[in-house]
Amino acid sequence: MKGSFSFIVRGDNLDFDGISTKLHLSPTEQSEPEDILELLQQLTPNLKTITEMIDEYNEVSINSYMRSDYGQMGFMLSNEMLRSLAVLGIAIKFHILSFGMVE
């Protein structure tokens, strides 16, 4: 199984440099599914900024994209991950894609 997680900010008139400066993070193209806890740990110190962004922008969330050549897959969100999501007040969306190579 392969996949990625993305922290998403959507809205009109986004200030990309300002967002990066406030969060102390630079945009990345892709990360591995195991990196979700690392992403949450990087976002947590920015709770005040994220709360302000939730009020200001249309969407602030994490998207998870998982891909498999076979139909069956599974994943787990640990207690630590769930607590971090709850503290941040952001949603996580799961997009599961299968290429149907099951025989």
N, C-alpha and C. Protein backbone atom coordinates (compact mmCIF):
# COMPACT_ATOMS: atom_id res chain seq x y z
N MET A 1 0.86 -1.17 0.00
CA MET A 1 0.00 0.00 0.00
C MET A 1 0.90 1.23 0.00
N LYS A 2 0.56 2.19 -0.80
CA LYS A 2 1.27 3.47 -0.84
C LYS A 2 0.27 4.58 -0.61
N GLY A 3 0.74 5.72 -0.21
CA GLY A 3 -0.18 6.83 -0.01
C GLY A 3 0.54 8.06 0.46
N SER A 4 -0.23 9.07 0.78
CA SER A 4 0.35 10.32 1.27
C SER A 4 -0.67 11.05 2.13
N PHE A 5 -0.18 12.00 2.91
CA PHE A 5 -1.02 12.87 3.72
C PHE A 5 -0.70 14.31 3.34
N SER A 6 -1.70 15.14 3.31
CA SER A 6 -1.51 16.55 2.97
C SER A 6 -2.28 17.41 3.96
N PHE A 7 -1.64 18.47 4.42
CA PHE A 7 -2.31 19.49 5.22
C PHE A 7 -2.80 20.52 4.22
N ILE A 8 -4.09 20.78 4.20
CA ILE A 8 -4.72 21.59 3.17
C ILE A 8 -5.26 22.90 3.76
N VAL A 9 -4.98 23.99 3.08
CA VAL A 9 -5.58 25.28 3.39
C VAL A 9 -6.17 25.80 2.10
N ARG A 10 -7.48 26.05 2.08
CA ARG A 10 -8.14 26.57 0.89
C ARG A 10 -8.86 27.86 1.24
N GLY A 11 -8.86 28.77 0.32
CA GLY A 11 -9.57 30.02 0.54
C GLY A 11 -9.23 31.03 -0.54
N ASP A 12 -9.90 32.15 -0.51
CA ASP A 12 -9.63 33.23 -1.45
C ASP A 12 -8.44 34.05 -0.94
N ASN A 13 -7.62 34.53 -1.86
CA ASN A 13 -6.51 35.41 -1.53
C ASN A 13 -5.56 34.82 -0.49
N LEU A 14 -5.12 33.57 -0.72
CA LEU A 14 -4.19 32.94 0.20
C LEU A 14 -2.83 33.64 0.16
N ASP A 15 -2.26 33.84 1.31
CA ASP A 15 -0.91 34.41 1.43
C ASP A 15 0.03 33.25 1.73
N PHE A 16 0.54 32.61 0.67
CA PHE A 16 1.35 31.40 0.83
C PHE A 16 2.59 31.65 1.66
N ASP A 17 3.29 32.74 1.40
CA ASP A 17 4.50 33.03 2.17
C ASP A 17 4.15 33.29 3.63
N GLY A 18 3.06 34.02 3.86
CA GLY A 18 2.63 34.29 5.23
C GLY A 18 2.24 33.03 5.97
N ILE A 19 1.53 32.13 5.30
CA ILE A 19 1.13 30.87 5.92
C ILE A 19 2.37 30.05 6.28
N SER A 20 3.32 29.95 5.34
CA SER A 20 4.55 29.20 5.61
C SER A 20 5.32 29.80 6.78
N THR A 21 5.39 31.13 6.83
CA THR A 21 6.10 31.81 7.92
C THR A 21 5.41 31.56 9.25
N LYS A 22 4.09 31.69 9.29
CA LYS A 22 3.34 31.51 10.53
C LYS A 22 3.44 30.09 11.06
N LEU A 23 3.41 29.10 10.15
CA LEU A 23 3.44 27.69 10.57
C LEU A 23 4.86 27.15 10.73
N HIS A 24 5.85 27.92 10.27
CA HIS A 24 7.24 27.46 10.30
C HIS A 24 7.40 26.16 9.51
N LEU A 25 6.66 26.05 8.40
CA LEU A 25 6.71 24.87 7.54
C LEU A 25 6.75 25.32 6.10
N SER A 26 7.46 24.56 5.30
CA SER A 26 7.46 24.82 3.86
C SER A 26 6.58 23.78 3.19
N PRO A 27 5.89 24.15 2.12
CA PRO A 27 5.05 23.17 1.42
C PRO A 27 5.88 22.03 0.86
N THR A 28 5.31 20.85 0.90
CA THR A 28 5.95 19.68 0.30
C THR A 28 4.99 19.09 -0.72
N GLU A 29 5.53 18.31 -1.61
CA GLU A 29 4.71 17.68 -2.63
C GLU A 29 4.03 16.42 -2.09
N GLN A 30 4.75 15.65 -1.26
CA GLN A 30 4.24 14.34 -0.90
C GLN A 30 4.94 13.83 0.34
N SER A 31 4.24 12.99 1.11
CA SER A 31 4.85 12.32 2.25
C SER A 31 4.29 10.91 2.34
N GLU A 32 4.98 10.07 3.06
CA GLU A 32 4.54 8.69 3.23
C GLU A 32 3.49 8.62 4.34
N PRO A 33 2.62 7.60 4.31
CA PRO A 33 1.57 7.50 5.34
C PRO A 33 2.11 7.48 6.77
N GLU A 34 3.32 6.93 6.97
CA GLU A 34 3.89 6.89 8.32
C GLU A 34 4.19 8.29 8.83
N ASP A 35 4.26 9.26 7.93
CA ASP A 35 4.62 10.62 8.31
C ASP A 35 3.48 11.42 8.91
N ILE A 36 2.28 10.84 9.02
CA ILE A 36 1.15 11.60 9.55
C ILE A 36 1.42 12.05 10.98
N LEU A 37 2.02 11.20 11.81
CA LEU A 37 2.30 11.60 13.19
C LEU A 37 3.33 12.73 13.20
N GLU A 38 4.35 12.65 12.36
CA GLU A 38 5.34 13.72 12.26
C GLU A 38 4.68 15.02 11.81
N LEU A 39 3.78 14.95 10.84
CA LEU A 39 3.06 16.13 10.38
C LEU A 39 2.24 16.74 11.53
N LEU A 40 1.53 15.90 12.26
CA LEU A 40 0.73 16.40 13.39
C LEU A 40 1.61 17.04 14.46
N GLN A 41 2.78 16.45 14.71
CA GLN A 41 3.70 17.00 15.70
C GLN A 41 4.25 18.35 15.25
N GLN A 42 4.41 18.54 13.93
CA GLN A 42 4.88 19.83 13.42
C GLN A 42 3.77 20.88 13.48
N LEU A 43 2.54 20.46 13.30
CA LEU A 43 1.43 21.40 13.30
C LEU A 43 1.01 21.82 14.71
N THR A 44 1.12 20.93 15.69
CA THR A 44 0.61 21.19 17.04
C THR A 44 1.16 22.46 17.68
N PRO A 45 2.45 22.78 17.56
CA PRO A 45 2.92 24.03 18.16
C PRO A 45 2.28 25.28 17.54
N ASN A 46 1.64 25.11 16.40
CA ASN A 46 1.01 26.23 15.69
C ASN A 46 -0.50 26.28 15.91
N LEU A 47 -0.97 25.76 17.04
CA LEU A 47 -2.40 25.66 17.31
C LEU A 47 -3.11 27.00 17.16
N LYS A 48 -2.55 28.07 17.72
CA LYS A 48 -3.20 29.38 17.64
C LYS A 48 -3.35 29.82 16.18
N THR A 49 -2.30 29.65 15.40
CA THR A 49 -2.34 30.02 13.98
C THR A 49 -3.36 29.18 13.22
N ILE A 50 -3.39 27.89 13.47
CA ILE A 50 -4.33 27.01 12.79
C ILE A 50 -5.76 27.37 13.15
N THR A 51 -6.01 27.69 14.42
CA THR A 51 -7.35 28.12 14.83
C THR A 51 -7.75 29.39 14.09
N GLU A 52 -6.83 30.33 13.95
CA GLU A 52 -7.11 31.56 13.19
C GLU A 52 -7.39 31.24 11.72
N MET A 53 -6.63 30.29 11.16
CA MET A 53 -6.82 29.91 9.75
C MET A 53 -8.18 29.24 9.54
N ILE A 54 -8.62 28.44 10.52
CA ILE A 54 -9.94 27.79 10.44
C ILE A 54 -11.03 28.85 10.34
N ASP A 55 -10.87 29.94 11.10
CA ASP A 55 -11.84 31.03 11.05
C ASP A 55 -11.76 31.84 9.75
N GLU A 56 -10.56 31.90 9.16
CA GLU A 56 -10.34 32.78 8.01
C GLU A 56 -10.58 32.10 6.66
N TYR A 57 -10.24 30.81 6.53
CA TYR A 57 -10.27 30.15 5.24
C TYR A 57 -11.43 29.15 5.13
N ASN A 58 -11.74 28.79 3.89
CA ASN A 58 -12.85 27.87 3.62
C ASN A 58 -12.61 26.46 4.15
N GLU A 59 -11.37 26.02 4.08
CA GLU A 59 -11.06 24.66 4.53
C GLU A 59 -9.66 24.60 5.08
N VAL A 60 -9.52 23.98 6.23
CA VAL A 60 -8.22 23.65 6.82
C VAL A 60 -8.37 22.20 7.28
N SER A 61 -7.67 21.29 6.61
CA SER A 61 -7.84 19.87 6.91
C SER A 61 -6.62 19.10 6.47
N ILE A 62 -6.62 17.82 6.76
CA ILE A 62 -5.59 16.90 6.28
C ILE A 62 -6.28 15.91 5.35
N ASN A 63 -5.70 15.72 4.19
CA ASN A 63 -6.19 14.72 3.25
C ASN A 63 -5.22 13.55 3.23
N SER A 64 -5.75 12.36 3.29
CA SER A 64 -4.95 11.14 3.18
C SER A 64 -5.31 10.44 1.89
N TYR A 65 -4.31 10.19 1.07
CA TYR A 65 -4.51 9.49 -0.20
C TYR A 65 -3.79 8.15 -0.11
N MET A 66 -4.54 7.05 -0.21
CA MET A 66 -3.95 5.72 -0.15
C MET A 66 -4.26 4.99 -1.44
N ARG A 67 -3.22 4.32 -1.96
CA ARG A 67 -3.36 3.60 -3.21
C ARG A 67 -2.87 2.18 -3.04
N SER A 68 -3.55 1.26 -3.70
CA SER A 68 -3.16 -0.14 -3.67
C SER A 68 -3.50 -0.78 -5.01
N ASP A 69 -2.66 -1.70 -5.44
CA ASP A 69 -2.99 -2.47 -6.65
C ASP A 69 -4.05 -3.52 -6.34
N TYR A 70 -4.24 -3.80 -5.08
CA TYR A 70 -5.18 -4.84 -4.67
C TYR A 70 -6.30 -4.20 -3.85
N GLY A 71 -7.44 -4.85 -3.81
CA GLY A 71 -8.62 -4.26 -3.22
C GLY A 71 -8.61 -4.12 -1.71
N GLN A 72 -7.81 -4.92 -1.01
CA GLN A 72 -7.88 -4.94 0.44
C GLN A 72 -6.74 -4.13 1.04
N MET A 73 -7.06 -3.29 1.98
CA MET A 73 -6.04 -2.54 2.71
C MET A 73 -6.60 -2.15 4.06
N GLY A 74 -5.73 -1.77 4.94
CA GLY A 74 -6.16 -1.32 6.25
C GLY A 74 -5.20 -0.27 6.78
N PHE A 75 -5.63 0.48 7.76
CA PHE A 75 -4.79 1.48 8.39
C PHE A 75 -5.31 1.71 9.79
N MET A 76 -4.46 2.31 10.61
CA MET A 76 -4.83 2.57 11.99
C MET A 76 -4.44 4.00 12.35
N LEU A 77 -5.30 4.67 13.06
CA LEU A 77 -4.96 5.95 13.66
C LEU A 77 -4.74 5.69 15.15
N SER A 78 -3.55 5.96 15.61
CA SER A 78 -3.23 5.71 17.02
C SER A 78 -3.94 6.72 17.92
N ASN A 79 -3.98 6.41 19.21
CA ASN A 79 -4.57 7.33 20.18
C ASN A 79 -3.88 8.69 20.12
N GLU A 80 -2.55 8.67 19.95
CA GLU A 80 -1.79 9.92 19.87
C GLU A 80 -2.21 10.75 18.66
N MET A 81 -2.42 10.08 17.52
CA MET A 81 -2.85 10.78 16.31
C MET A 81 -4.24 11.39 16.51
N LEU A 82 -5.16 10.61 17.09
CA LEU A 82 -6.52 11.09 17.31
C LEU A 82 -6.54 12.28 18.27
N ARG A 83 -5.73 12.20 19.33
CA ARG A 83 -5.65 13.32 20.28
C ARG A 83 -5.12 14.58 19.60
N SER A 84 -4.09 14.40 18.76
CA SER A 84 -3.52 15.55 18.06
C SER A 84 -4.53 16.19 17.12
N LEU A 85 -5.28 15.37 16.39
CA LEU A 85 -6.32 15.90 15.50
C LEU A 85 -7.38 16.66 16.29
N ALA A 86 -7.77 16.10 17.44
CA ALA A 86 -8.79 16.75 18.27
C ALA A 86 -8.28 18.09 18.81
N VAL A 87 -7.03 18.13 19.25
CA VAL A 87 -6.45 19.37 19.78
C VAL A 87 -6.39 20.43 18.68
N LEU A 88 -5.98 20.02 17.47
CA LEU A 88 -5.87 20.97 16.36
C LEU A 88 -7.23 21.42 15.85
N GLY A 89 -8.25 20.58 16.04
CA GLY A 89 -9.59 20.93 15.58
C GLY A 89 -9.76 20.84 14.08
N ILE A 90 -8.96 19.98 13.43
CA ILE A 90 -9.06 19.84 11.98
C ILE A 90 -9.54 18.44 11.61
N ALA A 91 -10.18 18.37 10.47
CA ALA A 91 -10.69 17.09 9.96
C ALA A 91 -9.59 16.36 9.20
N ILE A 92 -9.74 15.05 9.12
CA ILE A 92 -8.89 14.25 8.25
C ILE A 92 -9.81 13.51 7.29
N LYS A 93 -9.47 13.57 6.01
CA LYS A 93 -10.27 12.92 4.97
C LYS A 93 -9.45 11.79 4.37
N PHE A 94 -10.09 10.64 4.17
CA PHE A 94 -9.40 9.49 3.59
C PHE A 94 -9.90 9.25 2.18
N HIS A 95 -8.97 9.18 1.24
CA HIS A 95 -9.28 8.88 -0.16
C HIS A 95 -8.57 7.57 -0.47
N ILE A 96 -9.34 6.51 -0.70
CA ILE A 96 -8.77 5.18 -0.91
C ILE A 96 -9.00 4.78 -2.35
N LEU A 97 -7.91 4.49 -3.05
CA LEU A 97 -7.97 4.13 -4.46
C LEU A 97 -7.43 2.72 -4.64
N SER A 98 -8.13 1.90 -5.38
CA SER A 98 -7.66 0.56 -5.68
C SER A 98 -7.66 0.38 -7.19
N PHE A 99 -6.60 -0.23 -7.68
CA PHE A 99 -6.49 -0.43 -9.11
C PHE A 99 -7.02 -1.79 -9.54
N GLY A 100 -7.62 -2.56 -8.63
CA GLY A 100 -8.38 -3.76 -8.94
C GLY A 100 -7.61 -4.91 -9.56
N MET A 101 -6.40 -5.18 -9.09
CA MET A 101 -5.62 -6.27 -9.65
C MET A 101 -5.81 -7.58 -8.89
N VAL A 102 -6.84 -7.66 -8.07
CA VAL A 102 -7.12 -8.87 -7.30
C VAL A 102 -7.59 -9.96 -8.24
N GLU A 103 -7.06 -11.17 -8.06
CA GLU A 103 -7.48 -12.30 -8.91
C GLU A 103 -8.35 -13.25 -8.14
